[in-house]
Amino acid sequence: MSEPERDGRQSAASRFSVLRGHHAKLHVERDHMVVNVKRNIIAGFQRQLGTHDHAFKKAELEVNRLKRELELVKSAASDGDVDYDRIAFALEEEFDPRARELAAAPRQLEWANKRLTTLMNVEQTAAFHGRYRRLAERLHPDLRLEPNETASNLWDRVREAYAAGDAPELEALEVMAEDLPDMSVDALSQTELDVRIARLKAENWKVINEIAAMRREWPFSLANKLPDEKWLKSQREEYEQKTAQLLSERQLLAEELNRILDTGTVG
């Protein structure tokens, strides 16, 4: 191998190493957003605004159910036969799944409080993510030079441990990963190395764009708002206003429904 060829290969190997490290970093960042940041933001939302959000959604569901009930009763009354058992069954089919979701709200608030009081401290978090990044660089399928079933199985367990926040398991898996053979680019031809560099570049751009898109979506868009007391106050007031409007509408709809059921006439 000539000196220019050797220099070119060393440069390519260096670029490949940089891209591998960057890919592991991006992978950890994306997983951190989904597994930790997203859940923490939702937990913060539940703690700060969950009660107001639940009251609004419950009133909204009740209004929508009453509107549908009125529609079915009016239709039946115009035909001269209000079969309320059939109407009740139709309403149950349409609205009960959502009602069961809303009934779970107290458990969501309990989950939020538990999560926010059991978070790792700064040092623990840094160590946990650092270990996950090292394991990602060693085990991630995109970064291994050749398929390895043991590495693949270990990677599956690493991801499960990370999602569960199981620091002792992740530490044990890092120790186990030491037994895997080291990867070297020496066995790759220049062409293979260039192909892998191009592939890693494309993958890195893909993950960068995914992360950027996620940051614009709910609940990530709330990250800088939840600590703002003025914003929280305005949100609570908005929830209360919209809920009050829905409750007033619910009262009017209930009165109209009762009139129709009592008199059997449609106004």
Protein backbone atom coordinates (compact mmCIF):
# COMPACT_ATOMS: atom_id res chain seq x y z
CA MET A 1 0.00 0.00 0.00
CA SER A 2 1.43 3.38 -1.03
CA GLU A 3 1.78 6.20 1.44
CA PRO A 4 -1.16 8.22 -0.07
CA GLU A 5 -3.33 5.09 0.09
CA ARG A 6 -2.29 4.46 3.67
CA ASP A 7 -3.04 8.09 4.62
CA GLY A 8 -6.41 7.86 2.86
CA ARG A 9 -7.30 4.70 4.73
CA GLN A 10 -6.28 6.19 8.07
CA SER A 11 -8.42 9.23 7.33
CA ALA A 12 -11.39 7.04 6.40
CA ALA A 13 -10.94 4.91 9.53
CA SER A 14 -10.84 8.06 11.65
CA ARG A 15 -14.02 9.40 10.02
CA PHE A 16 -15.73 6.06 10.53
CA SER A 17 -14.79 6.08 14.22
CA VAL A 18 -16.14 9.62 14.63
CA LEU A 19 -19.41 8.70 12.90
CA ARG A 20 -19.78 5.55 15.02
CA GLY A 21 -19.44 7.57 18.21
CA HIS A 22 -21.83 10.20 16.89
CA HIS A 23 -24.39 7.57 15.91
CA ALA A 24 -24.28 6.06 19.40
CA LYS A 25 -24.73 9.56 20.90
CA LEU A 26 -27.72 10.32 18.66
CA HIS A 27 -29.28 6.94 19.39
CA VAL A 28 -29.01 7.53 23.13
CA GLU A 29 -30.37 11.07 22.75
CA ARG A 30 -33.41 9.84 20.83
CA ASP A 31 -34.08 7.01 23.29
CA HIS A 32 -33.63 9.41 26.19
CA MET A 33 -36.28 11.70 24.72
CA VAL A 34 -38.77 8.86 24.29
CA VAL A 35 -38.05 6.85 27.43
CA ASN A 36 -37.27 9.60 29.93
CA VAL A 37 -37.94 13.15 28.74
CA LYS A 38 -41.35 12.38 27.26
CA ARG A 39 -42.51 10.52 30.36
CA ASN A 40 -41.15 13.22 32.67
CA ILE A 41 -42.92 15.98 30.74
CA ILE A 42 -46.20 14.04 30.78
CA ALA A 43 -45.76 13.43 34.50
CA GLY A 44 -45.14 17.15 35.03
CA PHE A 45 -48.22 17.99 32.96
CA GLN A 46 -50.32 15.54 35.00
CA ARG A 47 -49.11 17.03 38.27
CA GLN A 48 -49.63 20.66 37.22
CA LEU A 49 -52.65 20.50 34.93
CA GLY A 50 -53.94 16.93 35.01
CA THR A 51 -56.93 17.66 37.27
CA HIS A 52 -58.06 20.57 35.09
CA ASP A 53 -57.49 18.61 31.89
CA HIS A 54 -59.53 15.69 33.26
CA ALA A 55 -62.44 17.93 34.30
CA PHE A 56 -62.51 19.51 30.83
CA LYS A 57 -62.36 16.17 28.98
CA LYS A 58 -65.04 14.66 31.24
CA ALA A 59 -67.38 17.58 30.57
CA GLU A 60 -66.59 17.39 26.85
CA LEU A 61 -67.44 13.68 26.81
CA GLU A 62 -70.71 14.25 28.67
CA VAL A 63 -71.73 16.99 26.23
CA ASN A 64 -70.89 14.86 23.19
CA ARG A 65 -72.81 11.94 24.67
CA LEU A 66 -75.85 14.09 25.37
CA LYS A 67 -75.76 15.53 21.85
CA ARG A 68 -75.69 12.03 20.41
CA GLU A 69 -78.43 10.90 22.79
CA LEU A 70 -80.61 13.82 21.71
CA GLU A 71 -79.98 12.98 18.07
CA LEU A 72 -81.05 9.36 18.58
CA VAL A 73 -84.06 10.25 20.73
CA LYS A 74 -85.28 12.88 18.27
CA SER A 75 -84.93 10.46 15.40
CA ALA A 76 -86.84 7.77 17.31
CA ALA A 77 -89.53 10.21 18.52
CA SER A 78 -90.19 11.42 14.97
CA ASP A 79 -90.87 7.80 14.07
CA GLY A 80 -93.21 7.48 17.07
CA ASP A 81 -91.21 4.74 18.82
CA VAL A 82 -88.53 5.66 21.38
CA ASP A 83 -86.82 2.37 22.21
CA TYR A 84 -84.57 3.66 24.98
CA ASP A 85 -82.91 0.30 25.61
CA ARG A 86 -81.63 0.31 22.03
CA ILE A 87 -80.51 3.93 22.37
CA ALA A 88 -78.72 3.21 25.66
CA PHE A 89 -76.90 0.27 24.09
CA ALA A 90 -75.79 2.43 21.13
CA LEU A 91 -74.51 5.11 23.50
CA GLU A 92 -72.65 2.56 25.58
CA GLU A 93 -70.96 1.13 22.49
CA GLU A 94 -69.88 4.56 21.30
CA PHE A 95 -68.84 6.33 24.50
CA ASP A 96 -67.96 3.79 27.20
CA PRO A 97 -64.39 3.12 25.95
CA ARG A 98 -63.57 6.81 26.32
CA ALA A 99 -65.32 6.95 29.69
CA ARG A 100 -63.13 4.09 30.95
CA GLU A 101 -60.03 5.98 29.79
CA LEU A 102 -61.09 9.04 31.77
CA ALA A 103 -61.84 6.90 34.82
CA ALA A 104 -58.16 5.97 34.89
CA ALA A 105 -57.10 9.60 35.43
CA PRO A 106 -56.50 9.26 39.20
CA ARG A 107 -54.06 6.43 38.51
CA GLN A 108 -52.24 8.65 35.99
CA LEU A 109 -51.79 11.34 38.63
CA GLU A 110 -50.55 8.73 41.10
CA TRP A 111 -48.08 7.49 38.46
CA ALA A 112 -46.91 11.05 37.78
CA ASN A 113 -46.23 11.79 41.44
CA LYS A 114 -44.41 8.49 41.90
CA ARG A 115 -42.26 9.04 38.81
CA LEU A 116 -41.27 12.58 39.72
CA THR A 117 -40.27 11.59 43.25
CA THR A 118 -38.11 8.63 42.18
CA LEU A 119 -35.97 10.23 39.47
CA MET A 120 -32.21 9.64 39.45
CA ASN A 121 -30.02 12.52 40.59
CA VAL A 122 -27.69 14.30 38.16
CA GLU A 123 -24.69 12.06 38.84
CA GLN A 124 -26.73 8.85 38.58
CA THR A 125 -28.34 10.03 35.35
CA ALA A 126 -24.99 10.92 33.78
CA ALA A 127 -23.52 7.52 34.70
CA PHE A 128 -26.61 5.68 33.43
CA HIS A 129 -26.60 7.44 30.04
CA GLY A 130 -22.83 7.17 29.70
CA ARG A 131 -23.04 3.40 30.18
CA TYR A 132 -25.91 3.13 27.69
CA ARG A 133 -23.94 5.12 25.12
CA ARG A 134 -20.90 2.89 25.48
CA LEU A 135 -23.05 -0.19 25.07
CA ALA A 136 -24.81 1.32 22.05
CA GLU A 137 -21.47 1.97 20.35
CA ARG A 138 -20.43 -1.61 21.00
CA LEU A 139 -23.71 -3.47 20.37
CA HIS A 140 -26.00 -1.41 18.13
CA PRO A 141 -26.67 -3.36 14.88
CA ASP A 142 -25.82 -0.31 12.76
CA LEU A 143 -22.38 -0.11 14.36
CA ARG A 144 -21.18 -3.70 14.49
CA LEU A 145 -18.93 -4.67 11.62
CA GLU A 146 -20.45 -8.12 11.27
CA PRO A 147 -23.62 -9.88 12.51
CA ASN A 148 -23.33 -11.46 15.93
CA GLU A 149 -26.27 -13.23 17.56
CA THR A 150 -24.87 -12.88 21.08
CA ALA A 151 -24.38 -9.14 20.60
CA SER A 152 -27.90 -8.85 19.20
CA ASN A 153 -29.41 -10.67 22.19
CA LEU A 154 -27.37 -8.57 24.59
CA TRP A 155 -28.49 -5.38 22.83
CA ASP A 156 -32.15 -6.38 23.28
CA ARG A 157 -31.56 -6.76 27.01
CA VAL A 158 -29.69 -3.46 27.14
CA ARG A 159 -32.65 -1.62 25.60
CA GLU A 160 -35.07 -3.29 28.01
CA ALA A 161 -32.89 -2.34 30.98
CA TYR A 162 -32.62 1.24 29.75
CA ALA A 163 -36.37 1.57 29.23
CA ALA A 164 -36.95 0.22 32.75
CA GLY A 165 -34.32 2.52 34.29
CA ASP A 166 -32.58 -0.56 35.69
CA ALA A 167 -29.08 0.75 36.45
CA PRO A 168 -27.75 -2.47 38.09
CA GLU A 169 -28.85 -4.55 35.10
CA LEU A 170 -27.21 -2.12 32.68
CA GLU A 171 -23.99 -2.25 34.69
CA ALA A 172 -24.02 -6.07 34.61
CA LEU A 173 -24.64 -6.09 30.86
CA GLU A 174 -21.66 -3.80 30.29
CA VAL A 175 -19.48 -6.28 32.16
CA MET A 176 -20.84 -9.10 30.01
CA ALA A 177 -20.20 -7.11 26.84
CA GLU A 178 -16.48 -7.18 27.66
CA ASP A 179 -16.42 -10.83 26.52
CA LEU A 180 -17.44 -9.94 22.97
CA PRO A 181 -14.63 -9.78 20.42
CA ASP A 182 -13.31 -6.32 19.66
CA MET A 183 -14.27 -4.87 16.32
CA SER A 184 -11.60 -3.59 13.97
CA VAL A 185 -11.87 -1.83 10.63
CA ASP A 186 -8.60 -3.41 9.49
CA ALA A 187 -10.47 -6.29 7.83
CA LEU A 188 -12.55 -3.88 5.73
CA SER A 189 -11.47 -2.89 2.27
CA GLN A 190 -11.36 0.80 1.37
CA THR A 191 -14.56 0.37 -0.66
CA GLU A 192 -16.36 -1.33 2.26
CA LEU A 193 -15.18 1.40 4.59
CA ASP A 194 -16.45 4.12 2.24
CA VAL A 195 -19.83 2.38 1.96
CA ARG A 196 -20.15 2.15 5.74
CA ILE A 197 -19.21 5.81 6.15
CA ALA A 198 -21.88 6.84 3.65
CA ARG A 199 -24.46 4.62 5.38
CA LEU A 200 -23.64 6.02 8.82
CA LYS A 201 -23.88 9.59 7.53
CA ALA A 202 -27.34 8.87 6.13
CA GLU A 203 -28.45 7.19 9.38
CA ASN A 204 -27.12 10.08 11.47
CA TRP A 205 -28.98 12.65 9.37
CA LYS A 206 -32.14 10.56 9.70
CA VAL A 207 -31.92 10.47 13.49
CA ILE A 208 -31.07 14.20 13.68
CA ASN A 209 -34.22 14.99 11.69
CA GLU A 210 -36.31 12.63 13.84
CA ILE A 211 -35.12 14.32 17.02
CA ALA A 212 -35.83 17.79 15.58
CA ALA A 213 -39.36 16.71 14.58
CA MET A 214 -40.03 15.21 18.01
CA ARG A 215 -39.03 18.42 19.78
CA ARG A 216 -41.77 20.27 17.91
CA GLU A 217 -44.47 17.80 18.96
CA TRP A 218 -46.52 17.39 22.14
CA PRO A 219 -45.48 16.87 24.89
CA PHE A 220 -41.94 18.07 24.09
CA SER A 221 -43.33 21.49 23.21
CA LEU A 222 -44.31 21.84 26.89
CA ALA A 223 -40.78 21.36 28.23
CA ASN A 224 -40.06 25.10 28.62
CA LYS A 225 -43.62 26.02 29.59
CA LEU A 226 -44.32 23.79 32.58
CA PRO A 227 -41.84 25.61 34.87
CA ASP A 228 -43.48 28.96 33.96
CA GLU A 229 -46.02 29.83 36.67
CA LYS A 230 -47.62 32.59 34.57
CA TRP A 231 -48.22 30.15 31.73
CA LEU A 232 -49.59 27.53 34.12
CA LYS A 233 -51.97 30.07 35.65
CA SER A 234 -53.26 31.07 32.21
CA GLN A 235 -53.75 27.42 31.26
CA ARG A 236 -55.70 26.68 34.44
CA GLU A 237 -57.92 29.70 33.85
CA GLU A 238 -58.49 28.64 30.24
CA TYR A 239 -59.39 25.10 31.32
CA GLU A 240 -61.80 26.43 33.94
CA GLN A 241 -63.48 28.76 31.45
CA LYS A 242 -63.90 26.08 28.77
CA THR A 243 -65.13 23.55 31.34
CA ALA A 244 -67.70 26.02 32.70
CA GLN A 245 -69.00 26.61 29.16
CA LEU A 246 -69.33 22.88 28.59
CA LEU A 247 -71.16 22.39 31.89
CA SER A 248 -73.64 25.13 30.93
CA GLU A 249 -74.16 23.46 27.56
CA ARG A 250 -74.59 20.10 29.31
CA GLN A 251 -77.35 21.58 31.48
CA LEU A 252 -79.25 22.91 28.47
CA LEU A 253 -78.93 19.63 26.60
CA ALA A 254 -80.13 17.65 29.63
CA GLU A 255 -83.16 19.92 29.99
CA GLU A 256 -84.04 19.50 26.31
CA LEU A 257 -83.64 15.73 26.53
CA ASN A 258 -85.82 15.49 29.63
CA ARG A 259 -88.54 17.58 27.96
CA ILE A 260 -88.61 15.27 24.95
CA LEU A 261 -88.68 12.14 27.09
CA ASP A 262 -91.40 13.56 29.35
CA THR A 263 -93.68 14.84 26.59
CA GLY A 264 -92.69 12.61 23.69
CA THR A 265 -92.59 15.65 21.39
CA VAL A 266 -89.72 17.12 19.44
CA GLY A 267 -89.52 20.92 19.47
